[in-house]
Amino acid sequence: MQGPPDLAAIAALVCKQLDFTLVKELGSGAHKRAYLVESDASTRLALKIAPVTASLKPRFEREASALSGCSHPSVAVLHDSRAMAFDGREFWVSVEEFLDGGTLAERQSLFFQNPSAVKKLGASLAAALDHLRVRSLVHRDIKPANVMFRSEDQAVLTDFGIVRVLDAPTLTHDFMPQGPGTPLYAAAEQLLNEKALIDWRTDQFGLALVLAESAIGFHPFAPEKDLPLAVARVARREPVPAASARKLAELGLASLLQALAPWPALRYRRPQDLINALAVV
């Protein structure tokens, strides 16, 4: 039985085949490990590698297909994505733009009690959601770690590993008690695997939750800082607690409350509606 692959060694082989220079490891996620590489033209890129399994390959293929059809300033650029074989094993290899501005998780303190910055961030990412919506795509994993920065103020949505293509067969089994996503930033329809209710408004909920958290400094469904309780409240379709709603209103961000409504039908109908609401002083 083969042991776990040495992804650093595989990265070196990939770089040799693609004429890249391996600079350093950037980190790892649930399935992929990322490396900073340079092309012959000294362009810095992010190389991501993951072992291919029967269950993961359809998701890798769907992610590549989804991103290849996107072109928006707030959506990460995918240059190449394919399966490659090394040492008798198959690996999924993606080459993306390198975003050197850090993640929102690392920069959230810059948005604390800064409503103008939160509104600007929200409008930029809502425009990206509109770009996805017209392509029948739902990101389903909007969270601070998946929002990166291309420059000082250009936010970019990354990691489309669990993207949902609304006009394609679902990859999630009906019998699963919970759909894919990060529970702390998931809407009720994700937590309850209510696939028929998932559309761009599911991403709207995730974005609004991230914006609210950035502005008030804690998860809006857990002013008590009890994160399991926050997930339970969302799953029970409770409204945003009064303490959080009051803080958002004080900051001029009460518009986020509609985006955080328990049912998709109660949220903003179109991304432009959310952008317009954020623009109100």
Protein backbone atom coordinates (compact mmCIF):
# COMPACT_ATOMS: atom_id res chain seq x y z
CA MET A 1 0.00 0.00 0.00
CA GLN A 2 1.42 3.38 -1.01
CA GLY A 3 1.98 6.01 1.65
CA PRO A 4 1.04 9.67 1.34
CA PRO A 5 2.75 11.40 -1.59
CA ASP A 6 5.58 13.87 -1.08
CA LEU A 7 3.87 16.91 -2.56
CA ALA A 8 7.01 19.03 -2.33
CA ALA A 9 8.77 16.52 -4.57
CA ILE A 10 5.78 16.47 -6.92
CA ALA A 11 5.84 20.28 -7.03
CA ALA A 12 9.49 20.14 -8.12
CA LEU A 13 8.59 17.70 -10.90
CA VAL A 14 5.68 19.87 -12.04
CA CYS A 15 7.91 22.93 -12.13
CA LYS A 16 10.48 21.08 -14.22
CA GLN A 17 7.81 20.00 -16.70
CA LEU A 18 6.15 23.42 -16.91
CA ASP A 19 9.39 25.44 -16.89
CA PHE A 20 8.69 27.12 -13.56
CA THR A 21 11.12 27.99 -10.78
CA LEU A 22 9.90 26.77 -7.39
CA VAL A 23 10.28 29.58 -4.84
CA LYS A 24 8.60 28.39 -1.64
CA GLU A 25 5.58 26.69 -0.13
CA LEU A 26 2.66 29.02 0.58
CA GLY A 27 0.45 26.77 2.68
CA SER A 28 -2.18 24.08 2.42
CA GLY A 29 -5.94 23.78 2.44
CA ALA A 30 -8.38 20.92 2.82
CA HIS A 31 -7.07 19.09 -0.25
CA LYS A 32 -4.46 21.22 -2.01
CA ARG A 33 -0.99 22.47 -1.17
CA ALA A 34 0.12 25.77 -2.69
CA TYR A 35 3.55 26.90 -3.82
CA LEU A 36 4.92 30.20 -5.07
CA VAL A 37 6.57 29.73 -8.46
CA GLU A 38 8.02 31.96 -11.16
CA SER A 39 7.72 31.59 -14.92
CA ASP A 40 10.55 32.29 -17.36
CA ALA A 41 9.25 35.83 -17.61
CA SER A 42 9.67 36.21 -13.81
CA THR A 43 5.92 36.29 -13.38
CA ARG A 44 4.94 35.10 -9.92
CA LEU A 45 2.21 32.45 -9.87
CA ALA A 46 0.49 30.19 -7.36
CA LEU A 47 0.92 26.48 -8.10
CA LYS A 48 -1.62 24.24 -6.34
CA ILE A 49 -1.31 20.46 -6.19
CA ALA A 50 -3.61 17.76 -4.82
CA PRO A 51 -3.69 13.97 -5.07
CA VAL A 52 -6.58 12.87 -7.29
CA THR A 53 -9.23 10.55 -5.85
CA ALA A 54 -12.39 9.22 -7.46
CA SER A 55 -14.54 11.48 -5.27
CA LEU A 56 -12.43 14.64 -5.67
CA LYS A 57 -11.72 14.55 -9.40
CA PRO A 58 -15.24 15.66 -10.46
CA ARG A 59 -14.96 18.65 -8.10
CA PHE A 60 -11.53 19.59 -9.46
CA GLU A 61 -12.89 19.38 -13.00
CA ARG A 62 -15.94 21.45 -12.10
CA GLU A 63 -13.83 24.09 -10.38
CA ALA A 64 -11.56 24.37 -13.44
CA SER A 65 -14.51 24.61 -15.82
CA ALA A 66 -16.23 27.24 -13.69
CA LEU A 67 -13.18 29.46 -13.29
CA SER A 68 -12.16 29.17 -16.94
CA GLY A 69 -15.43 30.86 -17.88
CA CYS A 70 -14.94 33.79 -15.49
CA SER A 71 -13.27 37.11 -16.15
CA HIS A 72 -13.80 39.66 -13.40
CA PRO A 73 -11.43 41.85 -11.37
CA SER A 74 -12.74 40.33 -8.13
CA VAL A 75 -12.44 36.68 -9.22
CA ALA A 76 -9.07 34.92 -9.08
CA VAL A 77 -7.48 34.25 -12.48
CA LEU A 78 -6.94 30.60 -13.38
CA HIS A 79 -4.19 30.08 -15.97
CA ASP A 80 -4.14 26.29 -16.17
CA SER A 81 -5.76 23.33 -14.42
CA ARG A 82 -5.41 19.64 -15.29
CA ALA A 83 -4.52 16.16 -14.10
CA MET A 84 -0.87 15.11 -14.32
CA ALA A 85 0.69 11.73 -13.57
CA PHE A 86 3.88 11.21 -11.58
CA ASP A 87 5.31 8.02 -10.08
CA GLY A 88 2.21 6.06 -11.03
CA ARG A 89 -0.15 8.48 -9.29
CA GLU A 90 -2.46 11.17 -10.60
CA PHE A 91 -2.36 14.72 -9.24
CA TRP A 92 -4.52 17.74 -9.95
CA VAL A 93 -2.35 20.72 -10.84
CA SER A 94 -3.65 24.29 -10.99
CA VAL A 95 -1.75 27.44 -11.90
CA GLU A 96 -3.38 30.63 -10.64
CA GLU A 97 -2.41 34.25 -10.28
CA PHE A 98 -0.37 34.94 -7.15
CA LEU A 99 -2.21 37.31 -4.83
CA ASP A 100 0.32 38.95 -2.55
CA GLY A 101 -1.97 41.24 -0.57
CA GLY A 102 -2.90 38.65 2.06
CA THR A 103 -6.32 37.36 3.09
CA LEU A 104 -9.24 39.12 4.69
CA ALA A 105 -8.70 36.86 7.69
CA GLU A 106 -5.30 38.53 8.11
CA ARG A 107 -6.62 42.04 7.47
CA GLN A 108 -9.99 42.05 9.24
CA SER A 109 -8.84 44.51 11.88
CA LEU A 110 -8.59 47.16 9.14
CA PHE A 111 -12.36 46.94 8.67
CA PHE A 112 -13.34 46.99 12.35
CA GLN A 113 -15.78 49.89 12.90
CA ASN A 114 -14.85 51.19 9.45
CA PRO A 115 -18.17 51.20 7.57
CA SER A 116 -16.87 52.97 4.47
CA ALA A 117 -14.20 50.30 3.97
CA VAL A 118 -16.74 47.52 4.62
CA LYS A 119 -19.15 48.99 2.08
CA LYS A 120 -16.43 49.28 -0.55
CA LEU A 121 -15.36 45.69 0.06
CA GLY A 122 -18.98 44.52 -0.06
CA ALA A 123 -19.75 46.32 -3.33
CA SER A 124 -16.65 44.85 -5.00
CA LEU A 125 -17.44 41.29 -3.96
CA ALA A 126 -21.17 41.64 -4.68
CA ALA A 127 -20.20 42.59 -8.24
CA ALA A 128 -18.21 39.36 -8.40
CA LEU A 129 -21.29 37.45 -7.21
CA ASP A 130 -23.28 39.01 -10.04
CA HIS A 131 -20.60 37.79 -12.47
CA LEU A 132 -21.01 34.28 -11.03
CA ARG A 133 -24.82 34.50 -10.98
CA VAL A 134 -25.18 35.11 -14.71
CA ARG A 135 -23.01 32.02 -15.23
CA SER A 136 -25.23 29.92 -12.92
CA LEU A 137 -22.38 29.55 -10.39
CA VAL A 138 -22.63 29.55 -6.60
CA HIS A 139 -19.31 29.75 -4.73
CA ARG A 140 -20.68 28.27 -1.45
CA ASP A 141 -17.57 28.96 0.63
CA ILE A 142 -17.26 32.70 1.11
CA LYS A 143 -15.23 33.29 4.27
CA PRO A 144 -12.35 35.58 5.32
CA ALA A 145 -9.70 33.04 4.30
CA ASN A 146 -11.15 32.85 0.78
CA VAL A 147 -11.09 36.60 0.17
CA MET A 148 -7.62 37.74 -0.86
CA PHE A 149 -6.18 41.03 -2.06
CA ARG A 150 -4.44 41.68 -5.36
CA SER A 151 -3.37 45.12 -4.20
CA GLU A 152 -4.00 47.38 -1.26
CA ASP A 153 -7.72 47.60 -1.94
CA GLN A 154 -8.60 45.10 -4.71
CA ALA A 155 -10.44 42.19 -3.06
CA VAL A 156 -10.51 38.90 -4.94
CA LEU A 157 -12.71 35.85 -4.39
CA THR A 158 -10.67 32.64 -4.38
CA ASP A 159 -10.98 28.87 -3.80
CA PHE A 160 -13.83 27.58 -5.93
CA GLY A 161 -13.34 24.00 -4.76
CA ILE A 162 -17.00 23.42 -3.89
CA VAL A 163 -18.56 25.65 -6.55
CA ARG A 164 -22.12 24.68 -7.49
CA VAL A 165 -23.12 24.82 -11.14
CA LEU A 166 -26.88 25.30 -11.05
CA ASP A 167 -27.55 23.95 -14.53
CA ALA A 168 -25.43 20.80 -14.00
CA PRO A 169 -26.14 17.68 -11.90
CA THR A 170 -25.32 18.18 -8.25
CA LEU A 171 -22.31 16.37 -6.77
CA THR A 172 -23.79 16.34 -3.25
CA HIS A 173 -25.92 13.36 -2.22
CA ASP A 174 -29.50 14.11 -1.18
CA PHE A 175 -29.21 11.99 1.96
CA MET A 176 -26.35 14.04 3.43
CA PRO A 177 -27.55 15.91 6.55
CA GLN A 178 -25.35 18.91 5.70
CA GLY A 179 -24.20 20.33 2.41
CA PRO A 180 -20.60 21.34 1.62
CA GLY A 181 -19.27 24.59 2.99
CA THR A 182 -17.73 26.07 6.12
CA PRO A 183 -20.44 25.88 8.81
CA LEU A 184 -19.51 29.20 10.47
CA TYR A 185 -20.15 31.07 7.20
CA ALA A 186 -22.89 28.92 5.68
CA ALA A 187 -26.52 29.86 5.14
CA ALA A 188 -29.30 27.70 6.56
CA GLU A 189 -30.00 26.07 3.19
CA GLN A 190 -26.38 24.87 3.11
CA LEU A 191 -26.37 23.66 6.69
CA LEU A 192 -29.58 21.71 6.06
CA ASN A 193 -28.60 20.50 2.55
CA GLU A 194 -31.70 22.09 1.02
CA LYS A 195 -30.30 22.00 -2.50
CA ALA A 196 -33.42 23.36 -4.18
CA LEU A 197 -33.01 26.65 -2.27
CA ILE A 198 -29.37 27.26 -3.17
CA ASP A 199 -28.64 30.09 -5.61
CA TRP A 200 -26.66 33.33 -5.59
CA ARG A 201 -28.53 34.41 -2.44
CA THR A 202 -26.69 31.66 -0.57
CA ASP A 203 -23.45 33.46 -1.42
CA GLN A 204 -25.13 36.73 -0.50
CA PHE A 205 -25.65 35.40 3.03
CA GLY A 206 -22.00 34.31 3.30
CA LEU A 207 -20.74 37.66 2.04
CA ALA A 208 -22.99 39.63 4.40
CA LEU A 209 -21.86 37.49 7.33
CA VAL A 210 -18.19 38.14 6.49
CA LEU A 211 -18.83 41.89 6.13
CA ALA A 212 -20.76 42.06 9.40
CA GLU A 213 -18.08 40.12 11.27
CA SER A 214 -15.39 42.42 9.88
CA ALA A 215 -17.31 45.52 10.94
CA ILE A 216 -18.35 44.57 14.48
CA GLY A 217 -15.47 42.29 15.40
CA PHE A 218 -17.43 39.12 16.12
CA HIS A 219 -19.72 36.62 14.39
CA PRO A 220 -23.07 38.45 14.02
CA PHE A 221 -25.03 35.38 15.18
CA ALA A 222 -22.92 35.05 18.33
CA PRO A 223 -22.51 38.32 20.25
CA GLU A 224 -21.72 36.03 23.21
CA LYS A 225 -18.71 34.69 21.19
CA ASP A 226 -20.23 31.18 21.30
CA LEU A 227 -19.50 29.94 17.76
CA PRO A 228 -21.35 26.59 17.96
CA LEU A 229 -24.39 28.59 19.07
CA ALA A 230 -23.97 30.85 16.02
CA VAL A 231 -24.18 27.86 13.67
CA ALA A 232 -27.18 26.48 15.57
CA ARG A 233 -29.01 29.82 15.33
CA VAL A 234 -28.49 29.99 11.57
CA ALA A 235 -29.64 26.39 11.15
CA ARG A 236 -32.78 27.16 13.19
CA ARG A 237 -33.39 30.15 10.91
CA GLU A 238 -33.30 32.66 13.74
CA PRO A 239 -32.84 36.36 12.91
CA VAL A 240 -29.62 38.19 13.69
CA PRO A 241 -29.50 38.72 17.49
CA ALA A 242 -30.61 42.19 18.62
CA ALA A 243 -27.18 43.10 20.01
CA SER A 244 -25.53 42.51 16.62
CA ALA A 245 -28.32 44.23 14.70
CA ARG A 246 -27.97 47.28 16.93
CA LYS A 247 -24.19 47.50 16.35
CA LEU A 248 -24.62 47.19 12.59
CA ALA A 249 -27.27 49.93 12.61
CA GLU A 250 -24.98 52.20 14.65
CA LEU A 251 -22.30 51.77 11.98
CA GLY A 252 -24.73 52.51 9.14
CA LEU A 253 -24.67 48.89 8.00
CA ALA A 254 -28.28 47.91 8.72
CA SER A 255 -28.54 47.02 5.01
CA LEU A 256 -26.65 43.80 5.81
CA LEU A 257 -29.56 42.55 7.92
CA GLN A 258 -31.71 41.83 4.87
CA ALA A 259 -28.83 39.89 3.30
CA LEU A 260 -28.67 37.83 6.51
CA ALA A 261 -32.36 36.92 6.43
CA PRO A 262 -33.05 33.23 7.28
CA TRP A 263 -34.83 32.44 3.98
CA PRO A 264 -33.37 33.22 0.54
CA ALA A 265 -36.65 34.79 -0.62
CA LEU A 266 -36.26 37.48 2.07
CA ARG A 267 -32.78 38.51 0.96
CA TYR A 268 -31.91 40.92 -1.85
CA ARG A 269 -33.23 39.70 -5.18
CA ARG A 270 -30.26 40.80 -7.30
CA PRO A 271 -26.61 41.62 -6.52
CA GLN A 272 -27.20 45.17 -7.75
CA ASP A 273 -29.89 45.56 -5.07
CA LEU A 274 -27.31 44.71 -2.43
CA ILE A 275 -24.78 47.08 -3.97
CA ASN A 276 -27.38 49.87 -4.01
CA ALA A 277 -28.29 49.22 -0.38
CA LEU A 278 -24.64 49.36 0.67
CA ALA A 279 -24.26 52.71 -1.10
CA VAL A 280 -26.93 54.36 1.06
CA VAL A 281 -25.33 56.69 3.63
